[in-house]
Amino acid sequence: MLKQWMAAGRLMVRDLELEDVAALKLCLLSLGLLLGLAAPRRKKPGLALFSTLVFVGTYLPLMGKFLVSLFRVRRD
């Protein structure tokens, strides 16, 4: 079942345009904000640390791929 979901996700990503990606990012941002507002005060520092680690763990690889693509475009 997970393989089917991953295949469907890959198919969807191929068809995304820039506006679709921006909408997806805004949707995830607003979901994160809503979850952050709902968290109890005593758990917020732990959630902030977790969110920071997830952000850094996803941002760095994405930027690495972007920079590789950028240098490839500049070479061509």
PDB file of N, CA and C in Angstrom:
ATOM      1  N   MET A   1       0.814  -1.189   0.000  1.00  0.00           N
ATOM      2  CA  MET A   1       0.000   0.000   0.000  1.00  0.00           C
ATOM      3  C   MET A   1       0.862   1.261   0.000  1.00  0.00           C
ATOM      4  N   LEU A   2       1.934   1.250   0.790  1.00  0.00           N
ATOM      5  CA  LEU A   2       2.818   2.414   0.833  1.00  0.00           C
ATOM      6  C   LEU A   2       3.489   2.636  -0.518  1.00  0.00           C
ATOM      7  N   LYS A   3       3.831   1.528  -1.198  1.00  0.00           N
ATOM      8  CA  LYS A   3       4.452   1.661  -2.521  1.00  0.00           C
ATOM      9  C   LYS A   3       3.506   2.343  -3.504  1.00  0.00           C
ATOM     10  N   GLN A   4       2.216   2.029  -3.393  1.00  0.00           N
ATOM     11  CA  GLN A   4       1.231   2.669  -4.266  1.00  0.00           C
ATOM     12  C   GLN A   4       1.128   4.156  -3.972  1.00  0.00           C
ATOM     13  N   TRP A   5       1.165   4.517  -2.684  1.00  0.00           N
ATOM     14  CA  TRP A   5       1.109   5.923  -2.302  1.00  0.00           C
ATOM     15  C   TRP A   5       2.332   6.672  -2.822  1.00  0.00           C
ATOM     16  N   MET A   6       3.496   6.041  -2.704  1.00  0.00           N
ATOM     17  CA  MET A   6       4.722   6.694  -3.179  1.00  0.00           C
ATOM     18  C   MET A   6       4.674   6.867  -4.697  1.00  0.00           C
ATOM     19  N   ALA A   7       4.196   5.855  -5.405  1.00  0.00           N
ATOM     20  CA  ALA A   7       4.087   5.953  -6.862  1.00  0.00           C
ATOM     21  C   ALA A   7       3.109   7.060  -7.251  1.00  0.00           C
ATOM     22  N   ALA A   8       1.991   7.140  -6.545  1.00  0.00           N
ATOM     23  CA  ALA A   8       1.013   8.199  -6.831  1.00  0.00           C
ATOM     24  C   ALA A   8       1.609   9.574  -6.536  1.00  0.00           C
ATOM     25  N   GLY A   9       2.376   9.676  -5.462  1.00  0.00           N
ATOM     26  CA  GLY A   9       3.024  10.942  -5.126  1.00  0.00           C
ATOM     27  C   GLY A   9       4.022  11.360  -6.185  1.00  0.00           C
ATOM     28  N   ARG A  10       4.816  10.411  -6.660  1.00  0.00           N
ATOM     29  CA  ARG A  10       5.784  10.729  -7.723  1.00  0.00           C
ATOM     30  C   ARG A  10       5.078  11.194  -8.992  1.00  0.00           C
ATOM     31  N   LEU A  11       3.981  10.530  -9.315  1.00  0.00           N
ATOM     32  CA  LEU A  11       3.209  10.917 -10.490  1.00  0.00           C
ATOM     33  C   LEU A  11       2.674  12.327 -10.343  1.00  0.00           C
ATOM     34  N   MET A  12       2.164  12.641  -9.152  1.00  0.00           N
ATOM     35  CA  MET A  12       1.614  13.965  -8.909  1.00  0.00           C
ATOM     36  C   MET A  12       2.700  15.033  -9.001  1.00  0.00           C
ATOM     37  N   VAL A  13       3.883  14.739  -8.443  1.00  0.00           N
ATOM     38  CA  VAL A  13       4.970  15.719  -8.430  1.00  0.00           C
ATOM     39  C   VAL A  13       5.419  16.043  -9.853  1.00  0.00           C
ATOM     40  N   ARG A  14       5.387  15.067 -10.725  1.00  0.00           N
ATOM     41  CA  ARG A  14       5.775  15.323 -12.120  1.00  0.00           C
ATOM     42  C   ARG A  14       4.874  16.351 -12.785  1.00  0.00           C
ATOM     43  N   ASP A  15       3.611  16.377 -12.367  1.00  0.00           N
ATOM     44  CA  ASP A  15       2.645  17.266 -13.005  1.00  0.00           C
ATOM     45  C   ASP A  15       2.510  18.620 -12.310  1.00  0.00           C
ATOM     46  N   LEU A  16       3.217  18.826 -11.206  1.00  0.00           N
ATOM     47  CA  LEU A  16       3.090  20.081 -10.461  1.00  0.00           C
ATOM     48  C   LEU A  16       3.720  21.239 -11.214  1.00  0.00           C
ATOM     49  N   GLU A  17       3.084  22.373 -11.111  1.00  0.00           N
ATOM     50  CA  GLU A  17       3.653  23.617 -11.625  1.00  0.00           C
ATOM     51  C   GLU A  17       4.111  24.444 -10.437  1.00  0.00           C
ATOM     52  N   LEU A  18       4.763  25.543 -10.707  1.00  0.00           N
ATOM     53  CA  LEU A  18       5.308  26.379  -9.643  1.00  0.00           C
ATOM     54  C   LEU A  18       4.217  26.874  -8.699  1.00  0.00           C
ATOM     55  N   GLU A  19       3.090  27.243  -9.241  1.00  0.00           N
ATOM     56  CA  GLU A  19       1.987  27.727  -8.405  1.00  0.00           C
ATOM     57  C   GLU A  19       1.464  26.629  -7.484  1.00  0.00           C
ATOM     58  N   ASP A  20       1.457  25.389  -7.974  1.00  0.00           N
ATOM     59  CA  ASP A  20       1.004  24.266  -7.160  1.00  0.00           C
ATOM     60  C   ASP A  20       1.958  24.017  -5.991  1.00  0.00           C
ATOM     61  N   VAL A  21       3.236  24.110  -6.250  1.00  0.00           N
ATOM     62  CA  VAL A  21       4.226  23.918  -5.190  1.00  0.00           C
ATOM     63  C   VAL A  21       4.103  25.031  -4.143  1.00  0.00           C
ATOM     64  N   ALA A  22       3.895  26.251  -4.598  1.00  0.00           N
ATOM     65  CA  ALA A  22       3.720  27.366  -3.660  1.00  0.00           C
ATOM     66  C   ALA A  22       2.475  27.162  -2.808  1.00  0.00           C
ATOM     67  N   ALA A  23       1.387  26.702  -3.413  1.00  0.00           N
ATOM     68  CA  ALA A  23       0.169  26.447  -2.655  1.00  0.00           C
ATOM     69  C   ALA A  23       0.376  25.330  -1.637  1.00  0.00           C
ATOM     70  N   LEU A  24       1.092  24.291  -2.018  1.00  0.00           N
ATOM     71  CA  LEU A  24       1.387  23.195  -1.106  1.00  0.00           C
ATOM     72  C   LEU A  24       2.216  23.675   0.077  1.00  0.00           C
ATOM     73  N   LYS A  25       3.208  24.488  -0.191  1.00  0.00           N
ATOM     74  CA  LYS A  25       4.051  25.010   0.885  1.00  0.00           C
ATOM     75  C   LYS A  25       3.257  25.912   1.828  1.00  0.00           C
ATOM     76  N   LEU A  26       2.382  26.747   1.286  1.00  0.00           N
ATOM     77  CA  LEU A  26       1.545  27.590   2.136  1.00  0.00           C
ATOM     78  C   LEU A  26       0.579  26.753   2.971  1.00  0.00           C
ATOM     79  N   CYS A  27       0.060  25.693   2.383  1.00  0.00           N
ATOM     80  CA  CYS A  27      -0.840  24.804   3.110  1.00  0.00           C
ATOM     81  C   CYS A  27      -0.110  24.153   4.285  1.00  0.00           C
ATOM     82  N   LEU A  28       1.088  23.651   4.039  1.00  0.00           N
ATOM     83  CA  LEU A  28       1.853  23.014   5.109  1.00  0.00           C
ATOM     84  C   LEU A  28       2.280  24.022   6.170  1.00  0.00           C
ATOM     85  N   LEU A  29       2.594  25.234   5.755  1.00  0.00           N
ATOM     86  CA  LEU A  29       2.944  26.276   6.718  1.00  0.00           C
ATOM     87  C   LEU A  29       1.766  26.583   7.629  1.00  0.00           C
ATOM     88  N   SER A  30       0.591  26.740   7.049  1.00  0.00           N
ATOM     89  CA  SER A  30      -0.570  27.069   7.873  1.00  0.00           C
ATOM     90  C   SER A  30      -0.957  25.892   8.771  1.00  0.00           C
ATOM     91  N   LEU A  31      -0.778  24.672   8.308  1.00  0.00           N
ATOM     92  CA  LEU A  31      -1.027  23.503   9.163  1.00  0.00           C
ATOM     93  C   LEU A  31      -0.065  23.506  10.341  1.00  0.00           C
ATOM     94  N   GLY A  32       1.188  23.801  10.092  1.00  0.00           N
ATOM     95  CA  GLY A  32       2.165  23.873  11.175  1.00  0.00           C
ATOM     96  C   GLY A  32       1.835  24.956  12.179  1.00  0.00           C
ATOM     97  N   LEU A  33       1.395  26.100  11.690  1.00  0.00           N
ATOM     98  CA  LEU A  33       1.011  27.181  12.600  1.00  0.00           C
ATOM     99  C   LEU A  33      -0.181  26.791  13.456  1.00  0.00           C
ATOM    100  N   LEU A  34      -1.171  26.154  12.840  1.00  0.00           N
ATOM    101  CA  LEU A  34      -2.347  25.726  13.598  1.00  0.00           C
ATOM    102  C   LEU A  34      -1.985  24.678  14.652  1.00  0.00           C
ATOM    103  N   LEU A  35      -1.126  23.749  14.301  1.00  0.00           N
ATOM    104  CA  LEU A  35      -0.691  22.753  15.276  1.00  0.00           C
ATOM    105  C   LEU A  35       0.120  23.403  16.394  1.00  0.00           C
ATOM    106  N   GLY A  36       0.912  24.385  16.050  1.00  0.00           N
ATOM    107  CA  GLY A  36       1.681  25.103  17.057  1.00  0.00           C
ATOM    108  C   GLY A  36       0.805  25.876  18.016  1.00  0.00           C
ATOM    109  N   LEU A  37      -0.262  26.445  17.524  1.00  0.00           N
ATOM    110  CA  LEU A  37      -1.191  27.168  18.395  1.00  0.00           C
ATOM    111  C   LEU A  37      -1.947  26.219  19.321  1.00  0.00           C
ATOM    112  N   ALA A  38      -2.158  24.989  18.872  1.00  0.00           N
ATOM    113  CA  ALA A  38      -2.923  24.030  19.665  1.00  0.00           C
ATOM    114  C   ALA A  38      -2.078  23.318  20.718  1.00  0.00           C
ATOM    115  N   ALA A  39      -0.759  23.412  20.622  1.00  0.00           N
ATOM    116  CA  ALA A  39       0.121  22.696  21.555  1.00  0.00           C
ATOM    117  C   ALA A  39       0.076  23.350  22.934  1.00  0.00           C
ATOM    118  N   PRO A  40       0.085  22.535  23.991  1.00  0.00           N
ATOM    119  CA  PRO A  40       0.129  23.102  25.339  1.00  0.00           C
ATOM    120  C   PRO A  40       1.448  23.840  25.574  1.00  0.00           C
ATOM    121  N   ARG A  41       1.404  24.827  26.433  1.00  0.00           N
ATOM    122  CA  ARG A  41       2.567  25.676  26.671  1.00  0.00           C
ATOM    123  C   ARG A  41       3.784  24.876  27.139  1.00  0.00           C
ATOM    124  N   ARG A  42       3.584  23.869  27.960  1.00  0.00           N
ATOM    125  CA  ARG A  42       4.716  23.110  28.510  1.00  0.00           C
ATOM    126  C   ARG A  42       5.396  22.232  27.463  1.00  0.00           C
ATOM    127  N   LYS A  43       4.704  21.940  26.361  1.00  0.00           N
ATOM    128  CA  LYS A  43       5.292  21.099  25.320  1.00  0.00           C
ATOM    129  C   LYS A  43       5.873  21.907  24.156  1.00  0.00           C
ATOM    130  N   LYS A  44       5.681  23.201  24.163  1.00  0.00           N
ATOM    131  CA  LYS A  44       6.136  24.026  23.039  1.00  0.00           C
ATOM    132  C   LYS A  44       7.658  24.022  22.846  1.00  0.00           C
ATOM    133  N   PRO A  45       8.476  24.068  23.920  1.00  0.00           N
ATOM    134  CA  PRO A  45       9.925  24.028  23.667  1.00  0.00           C
ATOM    135  C   PRO A  45      10.371  22.738  22.967  1.00  0.00           C
ATOM    136  N   GLY A  46       9.797  21.609  23.346  1.00  0.00           N
ATOM    137  CA  GLY A  46      10.137  20.352  22.687  1.00  0.00           C
ATOM    138  C   GLY A  46       9.692  20.326  21.240  1.00  0.00           C
ATOM    139  N   LEU A  47       8.503  20.841  20.989  1.00  0.00           N
ATOM    140  CA  LEU A  47       8.007  20.913  19.609  1.00  0.00           C
ATOM    141  C   LEU A  47       8.840  21.876  18.774  1.00  0.00           C
ATOM    142  N   ALA A  48       9.291  22.953  19.390  1.00  0.00           N
ATOM    143  CA  ALA A  48      10.138  23.913  18.662  1.00  0.00           C
ATOM    144  C   ALA A  48      11.464  23.261  18.272  1.00  0.00           C
ATOM    145  N   LEU A  49      12.052  22.492  19.184  1.00  0.00           N
ATOM    146  CA  LEU A  49      13.306  21.802  18.874  1.00  0.00           C
ATOM    147  C   LEU A  49      13.087  20.770  17.768  1.00  0.00           C
ATOM    148  N   PHE A  50      12.020  20.000  17.881  1.00  0.00           N
ATOM    149  CA  PHE A  50      11.707  19.007  16.854  1.00  0.00           C
ATOM    150  C   PHE A  50      11.495  19.673  15.500  1.00  0.00           C
ATOM    151  N   SER A  51      10.742  20.766  15.483  1.00  0.00           N
ATOM    152  CA  SER A  51      10.479  21.480  14.224  1.00  0.00           C
ATOM    153  C   SER A  51      11.764  22.020  13.608  1.00  0.00           C
ATOM    154  N   THR A  52      12.638  22.525  14.456  1.00  0.00           N
ATOM    155  CA  THR A  52      13.914  23.042  13.967  1.00  0.00           C
ATOM    156  C   THR A  52      14.741  21.933  13.338  1.00  0.00           C
ATOM    157  N   LEU A  53      14.804  20.790  13.991  1.00  0.00           N
ATOM    158  CA  LEU A  53      15.573  19.670  13.453  1.00  0.00           C
ATOM    159  C   LEU A  53      14.986  19.160  12.139  1.00  0.00           C
ATOM    160  N   VAL A  54      13.665  19.096  12.059  1.00  0.00           N
ATOM    161  CA  VAL A  54      13.030  18.666  10.815  1.00  0.00           C
ATOM    162  C   VAL A  54      13.293  19.681   9.707  1.00  0.00           C
ATOM    163  N   PHE A  55      13.204  20.963  10.020  1.00  0.00           N
ATOM    164  CA  PHE A  55      13.453  22.004   9.023  1.00  0.00           C
ATOM    165  C   PHE A  55      14.877  21.907   8.486  1.00  0.00           C
ATOM    166  N   VAL A  56      15.841  21.838   9.385  1.00  0.00           N
ATOM    167  CA  VAL A  56      17.240  21.780   8.960  1.00  0.00           C
ATOM    168  C   VAL A  56      17.501  20.481   8.201  1.00  0.00           C
ATOM    169  N   GLY A  57      16.916  19.387   8.680  1.00  0.00           N
ATOM    170  CA  GLY A  57      17.116  18.099   8.028  1.00  0.00           C
ATOM    171  C   GLY A  57      16.513  18.006   6.642  1.00  0.00           C
ATOM    172  N   THR A  58      15.518  18.801   6.354  1.00  0.00           N
ATOM    173  CA  THR A  58      14.924  18.799   5.016  1.00  0.00           C
ATOM    174  C   THR A  58      15.451  19.943   4.147  1.00  0.00           C
ATOM    175  N   TYR A  59      15.765  21.063   4.762  1.00  0.00           N
ATOM    176  CA  TYR A  59      16.211  22.238   4.004  1.00  0.00           C
ATOM    177  C   TYR A  59      17.587  22.013   3.376  1.00  0.00           C
ATOM    178  N   LEU A  60      18.519  21.489   4.156  1.00  0.00           N
ATOM    179  CA  LEU A  60      19.882  21.323   3.652  1.00  0.00           C
ATOM    180  C   LEU A  60      19.951  20.390   2.440  1.00  0.00           C
ATOM    181  N   PRO A  61      19.335  19.206   2.470  1.00  0.00           N
ATOM    182  CA  PRO A  61      19.378  18.375   1.257  1.00  0.00           C
ATOM    183  C   PRO A  61      18.682  19.026   0.054  1.00  0.00           C
ATOM    184  N   LEU A  62      17.557  19.700   0.300  1.00  0.00           N
ATOM    185  CA  LEU A  62      16.868  20.361  -0.810  1.00  0.00           C
ATOM    186  C   LEU A  62      17.729  21.466  -1.416  1.00  0.00           C
ATOM    187  N   MET A  63      18.378  22.240  -0.579  1.00  0.00           N
ATOM    188  CA  MET A  63      19.233  23.313  -1.099  1.00  0.00           C
ATOM    189  C   MET A  63      20.451  22.734  -1.807  1.00  0.00           C
ATOM    190  N   GLY A  64      20.960  21.599  -1.317  1.00  0.00           N
ATOM    191  CA  GLY A  64      22.068  20.938  -2.000  1.00  0.00           C
ATOM    192  C   GLY A  64      21.673  20.527  -3.409  1.00  0.00           C
ATOM    193  N   LYS A  65      20.487  19.943  -3.553  1.00  0.00           N
ATOM    194  CA  LYS A  65      20.006  19.557  -4.879  1.00  0.00           C
ATOM    195  C   LYS A  65      19.790  20.783  -5.756  1.00  0.00           C
ATOM    196  N   PHE A  66      19.278  21.854  -5.163  1.00  0.00           N
ATOM    197  CA  PHE A  66      19.047  23.072  -5.933  1.00  0.00           C
ATOM    198  C   PHE A  66      20.367  23.655  -6.428  1.00  0.00           C
ATOM    199  N   LEU A  67      21.368  23.679  -5.560  1.00  0.00           N
ATOM    200  CA  LEU A  67      22.663  24.232  -5.966  1.00  0.00           C
ATOM    201  C   LEU A  67      23.306  23.397  -7.064  1.00  0.00           C
ATOM    202  N   VAL A  68      23.180  22.080  -6.986  1.00  0.00           N
ATOM    203  CA  VAL A  68      23.702  21.223  -8.056  1.00  0.00           C
ATOM    204  C   VAL A  68      23.006  21.561  -9.369  1.00  0.00           C
ATOM    205  N   SER A  69      21.693  21.722  -9.333  1.00  0.00           N
ATOM    206  CA  SER A  69      20.938  22.081 -10.540  1.00  0.00           C
ATOM    207  C   SER A  69      21.345  23.457 -11.057  1.00  0.00           C
ATOM    208  N   LEU A  70      21.555  24.390 -10.135  1.00  0.00           N
ATOM    209  CA  LEU A  70      21.945  25.743 -10.522  1.00  0.00           C
ATOM    210  C   LEU A  70      23.292  25.746 -11.218  1.00  0.00           C
ATOM    211  N   PHE A  71      24.253  25.009 -10.680  1.00  0.00           N
ATOM    212  CA  PHE A  71      25.573  24.945 -11.313  1.00  0.00           C
ATOM    213  C   PHE A  71      25.509  24.214 -12.649  1.00  0.00           C
ATOM    214  N   ARG A  72      24.634  23.224 -12.759  1.00  0.00           N
ATOM    215  CA  ARG A  72      24.482  22.515 -14.021  1.00  0.00           C
ATOM    216  C   ARG A  72      23.925  23.438 -15.092  1.00  0.00           C
ATOM    217  N   VAL A  73      22.957  24.289 -14.720  1.00  0.00           N
ATOM    218  CA  VAL A  73      22.363  25.227 -15.667  1.00  0.00           C
ATOM    219  C   VAL A  73      23.380  26.272 -16.083  1.00  0.00           C
ATOM    220  N   ARG A  74      24.202  26.725 -15.145  1.00  0.00           N
ATOM    221  CA  ARG A  74      25.213  27.751 -15.476  1.00  0.00           C
ATOM    222  C   ARG A  74      26.278  27.179 -16.421  1.00  0.00           C
ATOM    223  N   ARG A  75      26.604  25.885 -16.265  1.00  0.00           N
ATOM    224  CA  ARG A  75      27.605  25.266 -17.149  1.00  0.00           C
ATOM    225  C   ARG A  75      27.094  25.137 -18.563  1.00  0.00           C
ATOM    226  N   ASP A  76      25.790  24.870 -18.695  1.00  0.00           N
ATOM    227  CA  ASP A  76      25.207  24.653 -20.034  1.00  0.00           C
ATOM    228  C   ASP A  76      24.919  25.916 -20.739  1.00  0.00           C
TER     229      ASP A  76
END
